[in-house]
N, C-alpha and C. Protein backbone atom coordinates (compact mmCIF):
# COMPACT_ATOMS: atom_id res chain seq x y z
N MET A 1 -44.34 -56.46 45.36
CA MET A 1 -43.35 -55.51 45.77
C MET A 1 -42.99 -54.57 44.64
N ALA A 2 -42.99 -55.05 43.44
CA ALA A 2 -42.63 -54.21 42.31
C ALA A 2 -43.60 -53.05 42.20
N GLU A 3 -44.88 -53.32 42.51
CA GLU A 3 -45.87 -52.24 42.43
C GLU A 3 -45.60 -51.20 43.50
N ASN A 4 -45.23 -51.62 44.69
CA ASN A 4 -44.92 -50.68 45.75
C ASN A 4 -43.73 -49.79 45.38
N GLU A 5 -42.74 -50.40 44.75
CA GLU A 5 -41.57 -49.62 44.33
C GLU A 5 -41.96 -48.58 43.27
N LYS A 6 -42.85 -48.96 42.35
CA LYS A 6 -43.31 -48.02 41.32
C LYS A 6 -44.08 -46.86 41.96
N VAL A 7 -44.91 -47.17 42.94
CA VAL A 7 -45.68 -46.13 43.62
C VAL A 7 -44.73 -45.20 44.36
N GLU A 8 -43.74 -45.77 45.04
CA GLU A 8 -42.78 -44.95 45.76
C GLU A 8 -41.97 -44.06 44.81
N GLN A 9 -41.63 -44.59 43.64
CA GLN A 9 -40.89 -43.81 42.67
C GLN A 9 -41.77 -42.67 42.13
N ALA A 10 -43.06 -42.95 41.92
CA ALA A 10 -43.98 -41.91 41.44
C ALA A 10 -44.13 -40.81 42.49
N VAL A 11 -44.26 -41.21 43.75
CA VAL A 11 -44.39 -40.23 44.83
C VAL A 11 -43.10 -39.41 44.93
N GLN A 12 -41.98 -40.07 44.83
CA GLN A 12 -40.69 -39.36 44.89
C GLN A 12 -40.54 -38.40 43.72
N ALA A 13 -41.00 -38.80 42.54
CA ALA A 13 -40.92 -37.93 41.36
C ALA A 13 -41.78 -36.69 41.56
N LYS A 14 -42.95 -36.83 42.17
CA LYS A 14 -43.81 -35.67 42.43
C LYS A 14 -43.15 -34.73 43.43
N LYS A 15 -42.49 -35.30 44.43
CA LYS A 15 -41.80 -34.48 45.42
C LYS A 15 -40.65 -33.71 44.78
N ASP A 16 -39.96 -34.35 43.84
CA ASP A 16 -38.83 -33.71 43.18
C ASP A 16 -39.28 -32.56 42.29
N LYS A 17 -40.48 -32.63 41.75
CA LYS A 17 -40.97 -31.59 40.85
C LYS A 17 -41.37 -30.32 41.60
N LYS A 18 -41.68 -30.42 42.88
CA LYS A 18 -42.11 -29.25 43.63
C LYS A 18 -40.92 -28.29 43.76
N PRO A 19 -41.13 -27.04 43.37
CA PRO A 19 -40.03 -26.08 43.51
C PRO A 19 -39.81 -25.72 44.97
N GLU A 20 -38.57 -25.64 45.32
CA GLU A 20 -38.25 -25.26 46.69
C GLU A 20 -38.31 -23.75 46.80
N LYS A 21 -38.83 -23.27 47.90
CA LYS A 21 -38.92 -21.83 48.10
C LYS A 21 -37.54 -21.30 48.47
N LYS A 22 -37.09 -20.32 47.68
CA LYS A 22 -35.82 -19.68 47.98
C LYS A 22 -36.12 -18.31 48.57
N SER A 23 -35.44 -18.00 49.61
CA SER A 23 -35.70 -16.71 50.24
C SER A 23 -35.07 -15.60 49.40
N LYS A 24 -35.84 -14.57 49.16
CA LYS A 24 -35.39 -13.43 48.38
C LYS A 24 -34.64 -12.48 49.31
N PRO A 25 -33.48 -11.99 48.89
CA PRO A 25 -32.75 -11.08 49.78
C PRO A 25 -33.52 -9.78 49.99
N GLY A 26 -33.31 -9.17 51.11
CA GLY A 26 -34.02 -7.95 51.46
C GLY A 26 -33.56 -6.76 50.62
N PRO A 27 -34.31 -5.66 50.70
CA PRO A 27 -33.98 -4.51 49.87
C PRO A 27 -32.62 -3.88 50.21
N PHE A 28 -32.23 -3.91 51.48
CA PHE A 28 -30.95 -3.31 51.86
C PHE A 28 -29.78 -4.16 51.35
N SER A 29 -29.92 -5.47 51.41
CA SER A 29 -28.84 -6.31 50.92
C SER A 29 -28.74 -6.24 49.40
N ARG A 30 -29.89 -6.10 48.72
CA ARG A 30 -29.86 -5.94 47.26
C ARG A 30 -29.23 -4.60 46.88
N ALA A 31 -29.55 -3.53 47.63
CA ALA A 31 -28.96 -2.22 47.35
C ALA A 31 -27.45 -2.25 47.61
N ALA A 32 -27.04 -2.92 48.68
CA ALA A 32 -25.62 -3.02 48.98
C ALA A 32 -24.89 -3.79 47.88
N LYS A 33 -25.51 -4.87 47.40
CA LYS A 33 -24.90 -5.64 46.32
C LYS A 33 -24.80 -4.80 45.06
N TRP A 34 -25.84 -4.04 44.76
CA TRP A 34 -25.84 -3.20 43.57
C TRP A 34 -24.72 -2.15 43.65
N LEU A 35 -24.58 -1.51 44.81
CA LEU A 35 -23.53 -0.51 44.98
C LEU A 35 -22.14 -1.14 44.87
N LYS A 36 -21.98 -2.33 45.43
CA LYS A 36 -20.70 -3.03 45.36
C LYS A 36 -20.37 -3.38 43.90
N ASP A 37 -21.36 -3.87 43.16
CA ASP A 37 -21.15 -4.20 41.75
C ASP A 37 -20.84 -2.94 40.93
N MET A 38 -21.54 -1.85 41.23
CA MET A 38 -21.31 -0.61 40.51
C MET A 38 -19.88 -0.10 40.75
N LYS A 39 -19.43 -0.18 41.98
CA LYS A 39 -18.08 0.26 42.31
C LYS A 39 -17.05 -0.57 41.56
N SER A 40 -17.26 -1.87 41.49
CA SER A 40 -16.30 -2.72 40.79
C SER A 40 -16.32 -2.44 39.28
N GLU A 41 -17.48 -2.13 38.72
CA GLU A 41 -17.56 -1.81 37.29
C GLU A 41 -16.89 -0.47 37.00
N LEU A 42 -17.06 0.50 37.89
CA LEU A 42 -16.44 1.81 37.68
C LEU A 42 -14.92 1.74 37.76
N LYS A 43 -14.39 0.77 38.48
CA LYS A 43 -12.95 0.60 38.53
C LYS A 43 -12.41 0.07 37.20
N LYS A 44 -13.26 -0.59 36.42
CA LYS A 44 -12.84 -1.15 35.14
C LYS A 44 -12.84 -0.10 34.01
N VAL A 45 -13.50 1.03 34.25
CA VAL A 45 -13.62 2.05 33.22
C VAL A 45 -12.27 2.72 32.99
N GLN A 46 -11.94 2.92 31.72
CA GLN A 46 -10.71 3.64 31.39
C GLN A 46 -11.08 5.10 31.18
N TRP A 47 -10.84 5.92 32.18
CA TRP A 47 -11.22 7.32 32.14
C TRP A 47 -10.24 8.09 31.27
N PRO A 48 -10.75 9.09 30.51
CA PRO A 48 -9.85 9.88 29.66
C PRO A 48 -8.98 10.81 30.50
N THR A 49 -7.82 11.13 29.94
CA THR A 49 -6.93 12.07 30.62
C THR A 49 -7.47 13.49 30.43
N ARG A 50 -6.89 14.43 31.17
CA ARG A 50 -7.30 15.82 31.06
C ARG A 50 -7.07 16.33 29.64
N LYS A 51 -5.94 15.95 29.05
CA LYS A 51 -5.60 16.39 27.70
C LYS A 51 -6.62 15.86 26.68
N GLN A 52 -6.99 14.59 26.81
CA GLN A 52 -7.99 14.00 25.90
C GLN A 52 -9.34 14.70 26.05
N THR A 53 -9.71 15.00 27.29
CA THR A 53 -11.00 15.67 27.53
C THR A 53 -11.03 17.06 26.91
N ILE A 54 -9.95 17.82 27.08
CA ILE A 54 -9.88 19.16 26.49
C ILE A 54 -9.90 19.06 24.97
N ASN A 55 -9.15 18.13 24.41
CA ASN A 55 -9.10 17.95 22.96
C ASN A 55 -10.48 17.60 22.40
N ASN A 56 -11.16 16.66 23.03
CA ASN A 56 -12.49 16.26 22.56
C ASN A 56 -13.50 17.40 22.70
N THR A 57 -13.38 18.17 23.78
CA THR A 57 -14.28 19.31 23.96
C THR A 57 -14.08 20.35 22.87
N LEU A 58 -12.83 20.64 22.53
CA LEU A 58 -12.55 21.60 21.47
C LEU A 58 -13.05 21.12 20.11
N ILE A 59 -12.93 19.83 19.86
CA ILE A 59 -13.44 19.27 18.60
C ILE A 59 -14.96 19.42 18.53
N VAL A 60 -15.65 19.15 19.62
CA VAL A 60 -17.11 19.28 19.64
C VAL A 60 -17.51 20.73 19.43
N ILE A 61 -16.84 21.67 20.08
CA ILE A 61 -17.16 23.09 19.92
C ILE A 61 -16.94 23.52 18.47
N ALA A 62 -15.84 23.07 17.87
CA ALA A 62 -15.55 23.41 16.47
C ALA A 62 -16.64 22.86 15.54
N CYS A 63 -17.06 21.62 15.79
CA CYS A 63 -18.11 21.02 14.95
C CYS A 63 -19.43 21.77 15.10
N VAL A 64 -19.76 22.18 16.30
CA VAL A 64 -20.99 22.94 16.53
C VAL A 64 -20.94 24.28 15.80
N VAL A 65 -19.79 24.95 15.85
CA VAL A 65 -19.64 26.23 15.15
C VAL A 65 -19.78 26.04 13.64
N VAL A 66 -19.13 25.02 13.09
CA VAL A 66 -19.20 24.78 11.64
C VAL A 66 -20.63 24.46 11.21
N VAL A 67 -21.31 23.61 11.93
CA VAL A 67 -22.70 23.26 11.60
C VAL A 67 -23.59 24.49 11.75
N GLY A 68 -23.34 25.30 12.77
CA GLY A 68 -24.10 26.53 12.96
C GLY A 68 -23.93 27.49 11.79
N ILE A 69 -22.70 27.60 11.29
CA ILE A 69 -22.45 28.46 10.13
C ILE A 69 -23.20 27.94 8.91
N PHE A 70 -23.16 26.63 8.67
CA PHE A 70 -23.89 26.06 7.53
C PHE A 70 -25.39 26.32 7.65
N ILE A 71 -25.93 26.16 8.85
CA ILE A 71 -27.37 26.41 9.04
C ILE A 71 -27.68 27.88 8.81
N TRP A 72 -26.81 28.77 9.29
CA TRP A 72 -27.02 30.20 9.10
C TRP A 72 -26.99 30.55 7.61
N ILE A 73 -26.02 29.98 6.87
CA ILE A 73 -25.94 30.24 5.42
C ILE A 73 -27.19 29.72 4.72
N PHE A 74 -27.62 28.51 5.04
CA PHE A 74 -28.81 27.95 4.41
C PHE A 74 -30.04 28.80 4.73
N ASP A 75 -30.16 29.23 5.98
CA ASP A 75 -31.29 30.06 6.38
C ASP A 75 -31.28 31.38 5.62
N PHE A 76 -30.10 31.99 5.50
CA PHE A 76 -29.99 33.25 4.77
C PHE A 76 -30.39 33.06 3.29
N LEU A 77 -29.87 31.99 2.66
CA LEU A 77 -30.18 31.74 1.25
C LEU A 77 -31.67 31.41 1.06
N ALA A 78 -32.22 30.61 1.95
CA ALA A 78 -33.63 30.25 1.84
C ALA A 78 -34.51 31.48 2.06
N GLY A 79 -34.18 32.32 3.03
CA GLY A 79 -34.95 33.54 3.29
C GLY A 79 -34.88 34.49 2.11
N THR A 80 -33.69 34.63 1.52
CA THR A 80 -33.52 35.50 0.36
C THR A 80 -34.32 34.96 -0.82
N ALA A 81 -34.28 33.63 -1.02
CA ALA A 81 -35.03 33.03 -2.13
C ALA A 81 -36.54 33.23 -1.93
N ILE A 82 -37.03 33.05 -0.74
CA ILE A 82 -38.46 33.23 -0.47
C ILE A 82 -38.86 34.69 -0.66
N ASP A 83 -38.02 35.63 -0.20
CA ASP A 83 -38.30 37.04 -0.42
C ASP A 83 -38.34 37.38 -1.91
N LEU A 84 -37.40 36.82 -2.65
CA LEU A 84 -37.34 37.04 -4.11
C LEU A 84 -38.60 36.49 -4.78
N ILE A 85 -39.05 35.32 -4.38
CA ILE A 85 -40.25 34.72 -4.96
C ILE A 85 -41.47 35.57 -4.60
N ILE A 86 -41.58 36.00 -3.37
CA ILE A 86 -42.72 36.79 -2.93
C ILE A 86 -42.76 38.13 -3.69
N THR A 87 -41.63 38.81 -3.81
CA THR A 87 -41.60 40.09 -4.51
C THR A 87 -41.86 39.92 -6.00
N THR A 88 -41.45 38.80 -6.58
CA THR A 88 -41.67 38.57 -7.99
C THR A 88 -43.15 38.30 -8.26
N LEU A 89 -43.80 37.55 -7.37
CA LEU A 89 -45.21 37.21 -7.60
C LEU A 89 -46.16 38.34 -7.25
N SER A 90 -45.77 39.30 -6.45
CA SER A 90 -46.71 40.35 -6.10
C SER A 90 -46.56 41.59 -6.93
């Protein structure tokens, strides 16, 4: 009898190892779940106020203007230096 119990335990162990097939949800239910999750995440976002948005926009514009001026100055100086070198060598 002990051998029969061992065989039964081995058979049961093999059955336990087999993965059970899980049904995959359809594309519409996955899309619905994704939209539902997205909506809940967007509710958690702390959106900036109008004043913060205007302030940040003005800061970005000011930074772009300042960097543009620096690039223009560097370009002018580099162009002048190259012209000076070319005229000196020729």
